[in-house]
N, C-alpha and C. Protein backbone atom coordinates (compact mmCIF):
# COMPACT_ATOMS: atom_id res chain seq x y z
N MET A 1 3.89 11.89 -2.72
CA MET A 1 5.09 11.10 -2.55
C MET A 1 6.16 12.00 -1.92
N ASN A 2 6.84 11.51 -0.96
CA ASN A 2 7.92 12.21 -0.27
C ASN A 2 9.08 12.45 -1.25
N ILE A 3 9.75 13.61 -1.15
CA ILE A 3 10.83 13.97 -2.08
C ILE A 3 11.96 12.94 -2.05
N ASP A 4 12.31 12.43 -0.87
CA ASP A 4 13.37 11.41 -0.79
C ASP A 4 12.97 10.14 -1.53
N GLU A 5 11.69 9.77 -1.46
CA GLU A 5 11.21 8.59 -2.19
C GLU A 5 11.29 8.82 -3.70
N ILE A 6 10.94 10.03 -4.13
CA ILE A 6 11.01 10.37 -5.56
C ILE A 6 12.45 10.27 -6.03
N LYS A 7 13.38 10.83 -5.27
CA LYS A 7 14.80 10.78 -5.66
C LYS A 7 15.31 9.35 -5.72
N LYS A 8 14.84 8.51 -4.82
CA LYS A 8 15.27 7.11 -4.80
C LYS A 8 14.66 6.32 -5.96
N GLN A 9 13.37 6.50 -6.20
CA GLN A 9 12.68 5.75 -7.25
C GLN A 9 13.12 6.17 -8.65
N PHE A 10 13.42 7.45 -8.84
CA PHE A 10 13.78 7.97 -10.16
C PHE A 10 15.22 8.46 -10.16
N LYS A 11 16.11 7.66 -9.63
CA LYS A 11 17.52 8.01 -9.51
C LYS A 11 18.14 8.33 -10.87
N ASN A 12 18.92 9.42 -10.91
CA ASN A 12 19.61 9.87 -12.12
C ASN A 12 18.67 10.20 -13.27
N GLU A 13 17.50 10.76 -12.93
CA GLU A 13 16.52 11.17 -13.93
C GLU A 13 16.07 12.60 -13.66
N TRP A 14 15.52 13.23 -14.69
CA TRP A 14 14.85 14.51 -14.55
C TRP A 14 13.42 14.22 -14.12
N VAL A 15 12.93 15.00 -13.16
CA VAL A 15 11.60 14.76 -12.62
C VAL A 15 10.81 16.07 -12.63
N LEU A 16 9.57 15.99 -13.05
CA LEU A 16 8.64 17.10 -13.00
C LEU A 16 7.54 16.71 -12.03
N ILE A 17 7.35 17.52 -11.00
CA ILE A 17 6.32 17.19 -10.00
C ILE A 17 5.38 18.37 -9.76
N GLU A 18 4.20 18.03 -9.31
CA GLU A 18 3.28 19.02 -8.77
C GLU A 18 3.54 19.03 -7.27
N ILE A 19 3.90 20.17 -6.74
CA ILE A 19 4.23 20.29 -5.32
C ILE A 19 2.96 20.21 -4.49
N THR A 20 2.93 19.28 -3.53
CA THR A 20 1.77 19.17 -2.65
C THR A 20 2.09 19.63 -1.24
N LYS A 21 3.39 19.70 -0.91
CA LYS A 21 3.76 20.14 0.44
C LYS A 21 5.18 20.71 0.42
N ALA A 22 5.33 21.88 1.03
CA ALA A 22 6.64 22.52 1.17
C ALA A 22 6.71 23.13 2.58
N ASP A 23 7.93 23.33 3.08
CA ASP A 23 8.05 23.94 4.40
C ASP A 23 7.99 25.47 4.26
N GLN A 24 8.10 26.17 5.38
CA GLN A 24 7.98 27.63 5.37
C GLN A 24 9.09 28.31 4.56
N SER A 25 10.22 27.63 4.40
CA SER A 25 11.33 28.18 3.61
C SER A 25 11.19 27.89 2.12
N GLY A 26 10.17 27.13 1.75
CA GLY A 26 9.95 26.79 0.35
C GLY A 26 10.64 25.50 -0.09
N ASN A 27 11.25 24.77 0.85
CA ASN A 27 11.89 23.50 0.52
C ASN A 27 10.82 22.45 0.23
N LEU A 28 11.01 21.71 -0.86
CA LEU A 28 10.04 20.69 -1.25
C LEU A 28 10.01 19.55 -0.25
N LEU A 29 8.82 19.12 0.12
CA LEU A 29 8.66 17.98 1.02
C LEU A 29 7.93 16.83 0.35
N GLU A 30 6.88 17.14 -0.41
CA GLU A 30 6.09 16.10 -1.07
C GLU A 30 5.56 16.61 -2.40
N GLY A 31 5.30 15.67 -3.31
CA GLY A 31 4.74 16.04 -4.60
C GLY A 31 4.23 14.84 -5.37
N ASN A 32 3.45 15.12 -6.39
CA ASN A 32 2.95 14.09 -7.30
C ASN A 32 3.77 14.15 -8.59
N VAL A 33 4.33 13.03 -8.99
CA VAL A 33 5.16 12.98 -10.19
C VAL A 33 4.27 13.12 -11.42
N ILE A 34 4.60 14.11 -12.24
CA ILE A 34 3.89 14.34 -13.50
C ILE A 34 4.63 13.63 -14.62
N ALA A 35 5.97 13.73 -14.62
CA ALA A 35 6.79 13.10 -15.66
C ALA A 35 8.20 12.86 -15.12
N HIS A 36 8.86 11.87 -15.69
CA HIS A 36 10.26 11.59 -15.35
C HIS A 36 10.93 10.97 -16.56
N SER A 37 12.22 11.27 -16.72
CA SER A 37 12.95 10.75 -17.87
C SER A 37 14.44 11.02 -17.68
N ILE A 38 15.26 10.23 -18.36
CA ILE A 38 16.69 10.53 -18.38
C ILE A 38 16.96 11.71 -19.32
N SER A 39 15.97 12.01 -20.17
CA SER A 39 16.08 13.13 -21.12
C SER A 39 15.38 14.36 -20.55
N ARG A 40 16.14 15.42 -20.34
CA ARG A 40 15.56 16.66 -19.83
C ARG A 40 14.53 17.21 -20.81
N ASP A 41 14.77 17.06 -22.11
CA ASP A 41 13.85 17.58 -23.12
C ASP A 41 12.46 16.95 -23.00
N GLU A 42 12.40 15.67 -22.65
CA GLU A 42 11.11 15.01 -22.50
C GLU A 42 10.31 15.60 -21.35
N THR A 43 11.00 15.90 -20.26
CA THR A 43 10.27 16.49 -19.12
C THR A 43 9.91 17.94 -19.42
N TYR A 44 10.73 18.64 -20.21
CA TYR A 44 10.37 20.01 -20.64
C TYR A 44 9.10 19.97 -21.49
N SER A 45 9.00 19.00 -22.37
CA SER A 45 7.81 18.87 -23.21
C SER A 45 6.56 18.67 -22.36
N GLU A 46 6.68 17.85 -21.34
CA GLU A 46 5.55 17.62 -20.43
C GLU A 46 5.23 18.87 -19.62
N MET A 47 6.27 19.64 -19.29
CA MET A 47 6.06 20.87 -18.54
C MET A 47 5.18 21.84 -19.34
N LYS A 48 5.39 21.89 -20.64
CA LYS A 48 4.61 22.79 -21.49
C LYS A 48 3.14 22.39 -21.54
N LYS A 49 2.87 21.10 -21.36
CA LYS A 49 1.50 20.58 -21.43
C LYS A 49 0.76 20.64 -20.10
N THR A 50 1.48 20.76 -19.01
CA THR A 50 0.86 20.65 -17.70
C THR A 50 0.01 21.86 -17.35
N VAL A 51 -1.07 21.61 -16.65
CA VAL A 51 -1.94 22.69 -16.18
C VAL A 51 -1.72 22.95 -14.69
N ALA A 52 -0.88 22.14 -14.07
CA ALA A 52 -0.58 22.34 -12.64
C ALA A 52 0.12 23.68 -12.47
N ARG A 53 -0.22 24.39 -11.43
CA ARG A 53 0.33 25.72 -11.22
C ARG A 53 1.56 25.70 -10.31
N ASN A 54 1.64 24.78 -9.43
CA ASN A 54 2.72 24.74 -8.45
C ASN A 54 3.61 23.53 -8.76
N ILE A 55 4.61 23.73 -9.63
CA ILE A 55 5.43 22.61 -10.08
C ILE A 55 6.91 22.84 -9.75
N ALA A 56 7.65 21.75 -9.79
CA ALA A 56 9.10 21.79 -9.63
C ALA A 56 9.70 20.84 -10.66
N HIS A 57 10.89 21.18 -11.12
CA HIS A 57 11.60 20.38 -12.11
C HIS A 57 13.04 20.26 -11.62
N PHE A 58 13.52 19.03 -11.46
CA PHE A 58 14.87 18.86 -10.92
C PHE A 58 15.48 17.53 -11.37
N TYR A 59 16.80 17.46 -11.23
CA TYR A 59 17.56 16.26 -11.55
C TYR A 59 17.87 15.53 -10.25
N THR A 60 17.67 14.23 -10.23
CA THR A 60 17.86 13.47 -9.00
C THR A 60 19.25 12.87 -8.86
N GLY A 61 20.07 13.04 -9.87
CA GLY A 61 21.42 12.49 -9.82
C GLY A 61 22.39 13.42 -9.12
N GLU A 62 23.64 13.02 -9.13
CA GLU A 62 24.69 13.80 -8.50
C GLU A 62 25.11 14.95 -9.40
N ILE A 63 25.24 16.13 -8.83
CA ILE A 63 25.69 17.30 -9.56
C ILE A 63 27.22 17.24 -9.63
N PRO A 64 27.80 17.44 -10.81
CA PRO A 64 29.27 17.38 -10.92
C PRO A 64 29.95 18.41 -10.00
N LYS A 65 31.09 18.03 -9.46
CA LYS A 65 31.84 18.93 -8.59
C LYS A 65 32.48 20.03 -9.40
N LYS A 66 32.80 21.11 -8.73
CA LYS A 66 33.42 22.27 -9.38
C LYS A 66 34.69 21.83 -10.10
N GLY A 67 34.84 22.30 -11.33
CA GLY A 67 36.01 21.94 -12.13
C GLY A 67 35.75 20.82 -13.12
N TYR A 68 34.57 20.16 -13.02
CA TYR A 68 34.20 19.10 -13.95
C TYR A 68 33.16 19.62 -14.93
N ALA A 69 33.14 19.04 -16.10
CA ALA A 69 32.16 19.43 -17.11
C ALA A 69 31.35 18.20 -17.53
N VAL A 70 30.12 18.45 -17.95
CA VAL A 70 29.24 17.38 -18.41
C VAL A 70 28.68 17.78 -19.76
N ALA A 71 28.63 16.84 -20.68
CA ALA A 71 28.05 17.10 -21.99
C ALA A 71 26.85 16.18 -22.17
N PHE A 72 25.75 16.74 -22.64
CA PHE A 72 24.54 15.94 -22.88
C PHE A 72 24.31 15.80 -24.35
């Protein structure tokens, strides 16, 4: 699945993927979704269970601008 499609389908969620394609700079291009959740802890739990070696974990929502704080 293309990274833009993942971000669109799982908007404002934490996503754990197995990387299937990256460019020469290491930027993610494609991956298979292993887990997704609004709870980061749930995706961390899945990360501990995964046997995939080439994974990425990221948030698909907007990162707060400098000067703002977020509480989970």
